[in-house]
């Protein structure tokens, strides 16, 4: 058996894109896993988890509402650790960011941590935050700029730019760090950029959908924007190594590379010729600058990041297998 033999962990938001891979890898390593979801009986959302190798003997699913105080008290009893991946995602038609995004993100994180604080067996909580909590601030960008774990997004700047999701991730992570001070367990935080790669779940997540929309011609002009990209399997493994490595601490930024959408389109043309990819950038003006993200800390954890190109190859195969993308015959 692997590292997890004899250990029990809780994964919140178990049916999510990252969480599904975290659970797959935990089961492979011999952990007993308790996954929390809003509705364990909704087979369309959880069947992929129940079909994972080892799930029959080592995975149980539990109903828990992020926003309900004490909802996690029972499920964390006797657990050695918690992977808190659940978080409200930006939805279309947000009319009240405070009520629909900010408050739920902060309250949800604190609810999980409050439950952990009641259980002496919990040694570590691994929190899925985001690069959204690190990279949105007025700092200048350019190829010579290297973003590292000391960077934080500025909540006021996020609000000014209408980036409520980024503000919610920043504030909920800051609240988490404040809460765990002096507690019997420690906190490690994973801050991935846009997470891409193969799907385990039955729904399409937003970062993979952005690539699908380029391939299918839904996106007519590519955005004038630069984003970091990282493979979902690397992100899942980072969560587990952050839990298993005694010296793991603080935050871990995950970005294999930062690319302008123009470069993304060029890579897709090369690896998936024949699809109706956009040839023109939307808007005018100077191209959004690229920058670098420091890899040292995540490499020390033992992760060699998959190249963006290989991640796109895996994603395209997965989109075809799951019926989102047709084979191109041109």
Protein backbone atom coordinates (compact mmCIF):
# COMPACT_ATOMS: atom_id res chain seq x y z
CA UNK A 1 0.00 0.00 0.00
CA UNK A 2 1.01 3.61 -0.34
CA UNK A 3 1.41 6.54 1.98
CA UNK A 4 -2.24 6.56 2.95
CA UNK A 5 -2.55 3.14 4.55
CA UNK A 6 -4.47 3.45 7.80
CA UNK A 7 -5.28 7.13 7.24
CA UNK A 8 -8.66 8.76 6.73
CA UNK A 9 -9.11 12.10 4.98
CA UNK A 10 -12.03 14.32 4.04
CA UNK A 11 -12.34 15.97 0.60
CA UNK A 12 -14.91 18.76 0.33
CA UNK A 13 -16.59 19.49 -3.00
CA UNK A 14 -15.70 15.92 -3.93
CA UNK A 15 -17.26 15.92 -7.40
CA UNK A 16 -15.30 18.94 -8.67
CA UNK A 17 -12.66 18.89 -11.42
CA UNK A 18 -9.62 19.06 -9.10
CA UNK A 19 -11.24 17.15 -6.21
CA UNK A 20 -12.11 14.17 -8.45
CA UNK A 21 -8.42 13.73 -9.33
CA UNK A 22 -7.38 14.27 -5.69
CA UNK A 23 -9.75 11.45 -4.69
CA UNK A 24 -8.51 9.17 -7.48
CA UNK A 25 -4.90 9.61 -6.34
CA UNK A 26 -5.78 9.28 -2.63
CA UNK A 27 -7.52 5.96 -3.29
CA UNK A 28 -4.51 4.75 -5.29
CA UNK A 29 -2.29 5.59 -2.29
CA UNK A 30 -4.44 3.58 0.12
CA UNK A 31 -6.35 6.32 1.96
CA UNK A 32 -9.89 5.97 3.27
CA UNK A 33 -11.69 8.95 1.75
CA UNK A 34 -14.83 10.72 2.89
CA UNK A 35 -16.08 13.02 0.16
CA UNK A 36 -18.60 15.77 0.83
CA UNK A 37 -21.09 16.90 -1.80
CA UNK A 38 -24.35 18.80 -1.75
CA UNK A 39 -26.35 15.76 -2.82
CA UNK A 40 -24.79 12.27 -2.61
CA UNK A 41 -27.85 10.79 -4.37
CA UNK A 42 -27.37 12.83 -7.56
CA UNK A 43 -25.79 10.08 -9.64
CA UNK A 44 -25.15 12.39 -12.59
CA UNK A 45 -22.70 14.30 -10.41
CA UNK A 46 -21.14 11.53 -8.32
CA UNK A 47 -21.20 8.30 -10.38
CA UNK A 48 -17.67 8.92 -11.72
CA UNK A 49 -16.37 8.91 -8.12
CA UNK A 50 -18.12 5.68 -7.21
CA UNK A 51 -16.58 4.01 -10.27
CA UNK A 52 -12.98 4.89 -9.34
CA UNK A 53 -10.70 1.92 -8.55
CA UNK A 54 -10.85 1.32 -4.80
CA UNK A 55 -13.96 3.45 -4.30
CA UNK A 56 -16.16 0.53 -3.29
CA UNK A 57 -14.05 -0.24 -0.23
CA UNK A 58 -12.47 3.11 0.58
CA UNK A 59 -14.76 5.98 -0.49
CA UNK A 60 -17.90 7.22 1.22
CA UNK A 61 -19.92 10.26 0.16
CA UNK A 62 -21.57 12.57 2.68
CA UNK A 63 -24.04 15.42 2.35
CA UNK A 64 -22.67 18.75 3.59
CA UNK A 65 -23.63 22.30 2.79
CA UNK A 66 -20.70 24.72 2.83
CA UNK A 67 -22.85 27.50 4.21
CA UNK A 68 -24.42 25.53 7.05
CA UNK A 69 -22.61 25.99 10.33
CA UNK A 70 -21.47 22.67 11.81
CA UNK A 71 -22.25 20.79 8.58
CA UNK A 72 -18.75 19.26 8.59
CA UNK A 73 -18.55 18.41 12.31
CA UNK A 74 -19.60 14.81 11.89
CA UNK A 75 -17.72 13.95 8.71
CA UNK A 76 -14.33 15.16 10.05
CA UNK A 77 -14.56 13.12 13.28
CA UNK A 78 -11.48 10.90 13.50
CA UNK A 79 -10.02 12.16 10.21
CA UNK A 80 -6.27 12.73 9.86
CA UNK A 81 -6.62 15.59 7.41
CA UNK A 82 -8.91 17.63 5.20
CA UNK A 83 -8.64 18.73 1.57
CA UNK A 84 -10.92 21.74 1.27
CA UNK A 85 -11.50 22.18 -2.46
CA UNK A 86 -15.14 23.32 -2.41
CA UNK A 87 -15.76 26.98 -3.23
CA UNK A 88 -18.48 29.02 -4.92
CA UNK A 89 -17.59 29.61 -8.57
CA UNK A 90 -18.42 32.73 -10.55
CA UNK A 91 -21.83 32.29 -12.15
CA UNK A 92 -23.58 34.23 -14.87
CA UNK A 93 -25.89 36.91 -13.58
CA UNK A 94 -24.28 37.73 -10.23
CA UNK A 95 -26.25 40.73 -8.98
CA UNK A 96 -25.01 40.86 -5.40
CA UNK A 97 -21.33 39.79 -5.24
CA UNK A 98 -21.21 40.18 -1.45
CA UNK A 99 -24.11 37.79 -0.85
CA UNK A 100 -23.58 35.44 -3.83
CA UNK A 101 -19.79 35.07 -3.87
CA UNK A 102 -17.78 36.82 -1.15
CA UNK A 103 -19.76 35.79 1.93
CA UNK A 104 -20.21 32.14 0.81
CA UNK A 105 -16.49 31.76 -0.01
CA UNK A 106 -15.37 33.10 3.36
CA UNK A 107 -18.12 31.45 5.39
CA UNK A 108 -17.62 28.09 3.66
CA UNK A 109 -13.89 28.05 4.36
CA UNK A 110 -14.38 29.08 8.00
CA UNK A 111 -17.08 26.43 8.49
CA UNK A 112 -14.67 23.68 7.43
CA UNK A 113 -11.83 25.07 9.56
CA UNK A 114 -14.11 25.45 12.59
CA UNK A 115 -15.04 21.78 12.27
CA UNK A 116 -11.34 20.86 12.00
CA UNK A 117 -10.61 22.86 15.15
CA UNK A 118 -13.02 20.63 17.11
CA UNK A 119 -11.26 17.39 16.10
CA UNK A 120 -7.85 16.64 17.69
CA UNK A 121 -7.04 13.94 15.11
CA UNK A 122 -6.83 16.47 12.24
CA UNK A 123 -3.16 17.28 11.66
CA UNK A 124 -3.29 19.33 8.47
CA UNK A 125 -5.76 21.06 6.19
CA UNK A 126 -4.85 21.56 2.53
CA UNK A 127 -6.85 24.44 1.07
CA UNK A 128 -7.46 24.93 -2.65
CA UNK A 129 -7.09 28.64 -3.19
CA UNK A 130 -6.17 30.12 -6.57
CA UNK A 131 -3.70 32.30 -8.41
CA UNK A 132 -6.67 34.67 -8.29
CA UNK A 133 -5.61 35.32 -4.68
CA UNK A 134 -2.05 36.20 -5.73
CA UNK A 135 -1.86 37.84 -9.14
CA UNK A 136 -4.46 40.62 -9.22
CA UNK A 137 -2.79 43.84 -8.13
CA UNK A 138 -1.35 46.98 -9.74
CA UNK A 139 2.20 45.53 -9.86
CA UNK A 140 3.72 45.96 -13.32
CA UNK A 141 3.94 42.84 -15.53
CA UNK A 142 6.43 41.85 -18.17
CA UNK A 143 8.60 38.90 -19.24
CA UNK A 144 11.19 39.87 -16.59
CA UNK A 145 8.65 39.84 -13.73
CA UNK A 146 8.56 36.68 -11.61
CA UNK A 147 5.50 36.14 -9.42
CA UNK A 148 6.13 34.10 -6.27
CA UNK A 149 4.28 32.99 -3.15
CA UNK A 150 4.78 36.37 -1.45
CA UNK A 151 2.39 38.03 -3.94
CA UNK A 152 -1.18 38.75 -2.88
CA UNK A 153 -4.10 40.10 -4.84
CA UNK A 154 -5.38 43.48 -3.67
CA UNK A 155 -9.10 43.17 -2.74
CA UNK A 156 -9.78 46.84 -3.50
CA UNK A 157 -8.07 46.56 -6.88
CA UNK A 158 -10.10 43.38 -7.60
CA UNK A 159 -13.32 45.24 -6.75
CA UNK A 160 -12.32 48.19 -8.93
CA UNK A 161 -11.80 45.82 -11.87
CA UNK A 162 -15.07 43.96 -11.21
CA UNK A 163 -13.19 40.75 -10.34
CA UNK A 164 -15.42 39.54 -7.52
CA UNK A 165 -14.31 35.91 -7.76
CA UNK A 166 -10.67 36.99 -7.33
CA UNK A 167 -11.62 39.14 -4.36
CA UNK A 168 -13.52 36.21 -2.80
CA UNK A 169 -10.53 33.86 -3.16
CA UNK A 170 -8.18 36.48 -1.68
CA UNK A 171 -10.35 37.27 1.33
CA UNK A 172 -11.24 33.65 2.08
CA UNK A 173 -7.56 32.63 1.99
CA UNK A 174 -6.56 35.53 4.26
CA UNK A 175 -9.35 34.59 6.70
CA UNK A 176 -8.10 30.99 6.67
CA UNK A 177 -4.55 32.02 7.58
CA UNK A 178 -5.86 34.20 10.40
CA UNK A 179 -8.09 31.43 11.73
CA UNK A 180 -5.45 28.68 11.94
CA UNK A 181 -3.03 30.73 14.00
CA UNK A 182 -2.48 28.89 17.27
CA UNK A 183 -4.65 25.90 16.30
CA UNK A 184 -3.61 22.26 16.77
CA UNK A 185 -3.44 21.65 13.01
CA UNK A 186 -1.57 23.44 10.27
CA UNK A 187 -2.64 24.83 6.92
CA UNK A 188 -1.04 24.45 3.49
CA UNK A 189 -2.52 26.33 0.53
CA UNK A 190 -2.40 25.45 -3.18
CA UNK A 191 -2.75 28.39 -5.60
CA UNK A 192 -3.13 27.08 -9.17
CA UNK A 193 -3.55 29.17 -12.31
CA UNK A 194 -6.02 28.05 -15.01
CA UNK A 195 -6.33 24.30 -14.48
CA UNK A 196 -6.64 22.24 -17.66
CA UNK A 197 -6.45 18.58 -18.59
CA UNK A 198 -8.48 15.38 -18.72
CA UNK A 199 -11.94 15.18 -17.18
CA UNK A 200 -13.07 12.60 -14.66
CA UNK A 201 -16.38 14.27 -13.83
CA UNK A 202 -19.42 14.39 -16.11
CA UNK A 203 -19.53 18.17 -16.46
CA UNK A 204 -17.25 20.64 -18.19
CA UNK A 205 -15.32 23.04 -15.97
CA UNK A 206 -14.81 26.66 -17.03
CA UNK A 207 -11.06 26.58 -17.83
CA UNK A 208 -11.39 23.54 -20.10
CA UNK A 209 -14.49 25.08 -21.66
CA UNK A 210 -12.47 28.17 -22.63
CA UNK A 211 -10.16 25.93 -24.69
CA UNK A 212 -13.10 24.00 -26.17
CA UNK A 213 -14.68 27.28 -27.28
CA UNK A 214 -11.49 28.18 -29.17
CA UNK A 215 -11.47 24.80 -30.92
CA UNK A 216 -15.14 24.80 -31.91
CA UNK A 217 -15.27 28.39 -33.20
CA UNK A 218 -17.57 29.60 -30.40
CA UNK A 219 -14.86 32.14 -29.59
CA UNK A 220 -14.61 34.17 -32.81
CA UNK A 221 -11.77 36.43 -31.66
CA UNK A 222 -9.32 35.35 -28.98
CA UNK A 223 -9.10 37.59 -25.90
CA UNK A 224 -6.26 40.02 -25.40
CA UNK A 225 -5.23 38.32 -22.18
CA UNK A 226 -2.41 36.27 -20.70
CA UNK A 227 -2.99 33.36 -18.35
CA UNK A 228 -0.94 30.75 -16.59
CA UNK A 229 -1.83 27.10 -17.26
CA UNK A 230 -1.28 23.94 -15.22
CA UNK A 231 -2.33 20.31 -15.57
CA UNK A 232 -5.09 19.08 -13.24
CA UNK A 233 -3.10 15.94 -12.38
CA UNK A 234 -0.17 18.06 -11.21
CA UNK A 235 -2.54 20.16 -9.09
CA UNK A 236 -4.09 17.05 -7.52
CA UNK A 237 -0.67 15.56 -6.77
CA UNK A 238 0.45 18.88 -5.26
CA UNK A 239 -2.47 18.70 -2.82
CA UNK A 240 -1.49 15.20 -1.73
CA UNK A 241 2.24 15.91 -1.41
CA UNK A 242 1.38 19.08 0.53
CA UNK A 243 -0.47 16.82 2.96
CA UNK A 244 2.12 14.04 3.12
CA UNK A 245 5.32 16.13 3.28
CA UNK A 246 6.04 17.15 6.89
CA UNK A 247 8.07 20.19 5.80
CA UNK A 248 5.39 21.52 3.40
CA UNK A 249 4.28 24.96 4.55
CA UNK A 250 2.65 28.16 3.42
CA UNK A 251 1.40 28.68 -0.12
CA UNK A 252 2.32 26.92 -3.37
CA UNK A 253 1.79 28.67 -6.71
CA UNK A 254 1.25 26.29 -9.63
CA UNK A 255 1.81 27.47 -13.20
CA UNK A 256 3.75 25.55 -15.82
CA UNK A 257 3.80 28.51 -18.17
CA UNK A 258 2.11 31.86 -18.78
CA UNK A 259 0.85 32.36 -22.34
CA UNK A 260 -1.00 35.03 -24.25
CA UNK A 261 -4.12 33.68 -25.97
CA UNK A 262 -2.32 34.20 -29.30
CA UNK A 263 0.29 31.62 -28.24
CA UNK A 264 -2.45 29.26 -27.03
CA UNK A 265 -4.12 29.42 -30.46
CA UNK A 266 -0.76 28.72 -32.17
CA UNK A 267 -0.19 25.63 -29.99
CA UNK A 268 -3.72 24.37 -30.66
CA UNK A 269 -3.26 24.87 -34.43
CA UNK A 270 -0.15 22.71 -34.27
CA UNK A 271 -1.56 19.87 -32.16
CA UNK A 272 -5.16 19.96 -33.45
CA UNK A 273 -5.08 21.12 -37.08
CA UNK A 274 -8.34 21.65 -38.93
CA UNK A 275 -10.45 23.11 -36.13
CA UNK A 276 -12.02 26.57 -36.66
CA UNK A 277 -9.65 28.41 -34.33
CA UNK A 278 -9.89 32.21 -34.21
CA UNK A 279 -7.27 34.09 -36.22
CA UNK A 280 -7.84 37.58 -34.83
CA UNK A 281 -7.51 39.15 -31.40
CA UNK A 282 -10.47 41.04 -29.99
CA UNK A 283 -10.07 44.75 -29.37
CA UNK A 284 -7.19 47.04 -30.12
CA UNK A 285 -4.14 48.18 -28.27
CA UNK A 286 -0.98 46.59 -26.91
CA UNK A 287 -0.97 42.88 -26.18
CA UNK A 288 -1.42 41.87 -22.55
CA UNK A 289 2.07 41.16 -21.19
CA UNK A 290 3.27 37.72 -20.19
CA UNK A 291 5.24 37.16 -17.00
CA UNK A 292 6.82 34.25 -15.13
CA UNK A 293 5.70 32.28 -12.08
CA UNK A 294 8.39 30.89 -9.80
CA UNK A 295 8.61 27.07 -9.74
CA UNK A 296 11.17 26.52 -6.97
CA UNK A 297 8.79 25.80 -4.13
CA UNK A 298 6.55 23.37 -5.99
CA UNK A 299 9.60 21.54 -7.41
CA UNK A 300 10.96 21.08 -3.86
CA UNK A 301 7.68 19.33 -3.08
CA UNK A 302 8.64 16.79 -5.76
CA UNK A 303 6.50 17.86 -8.72
CA UNK A 304 7.72 18.09 -12.29
CA UNK A 305 5.06 20.11 -14.08
CA UNK A 306 3.53 18.76 -17.30
CA UNK A 307 4.12 21.07 -20.25
CA UNK A 308 1.18 23.18 -21.41
CA UNK A 309 1.38 21.54 -24.83
CA UNK A 310 1.09 18.03 -23.33
CA UNK A 311 -1.77 19.23 -21.13
CA UNK A 312 -3.62 20.52 -24.21
CA UNK A 313 -3.06 17.17 -25.96
CA UNK A 314 -4.56 15.32 -22.96
CA UNK A 315 -7.45 17.76 -22.78
CA UNK A 316 -8.32 17.42 -26.48
CA UNK A 317 -8.35 13.61 -26.20
CA UNK A 318 -10.58 13.86 -23.14
CA UNK A 319 -12.97 16.31 -24.83
CA UNK A 320 -13.32 13.84 -27.72
CA UNK A 321 -13.82 10.84 -25.41
CA UNK A 322 -16.52 12.70 -23.49
CA UNK A 323 -18.37 13.84 -26.61
CA UNK A 324 -17.62 17.56 -26.32
CA UNK A 325 -15.41 17.69 -29.41
CA UNK A 326 -15.82 15.83 -32.68
CA UNK A 327 -12.93 14.28 -34.59
CA UNK A 328 -11.66 16.72 -37.17
CA UNK A 329 -11.67 15.24 -40.66
CA UNK A 330 -10.45 18.30 -42.62
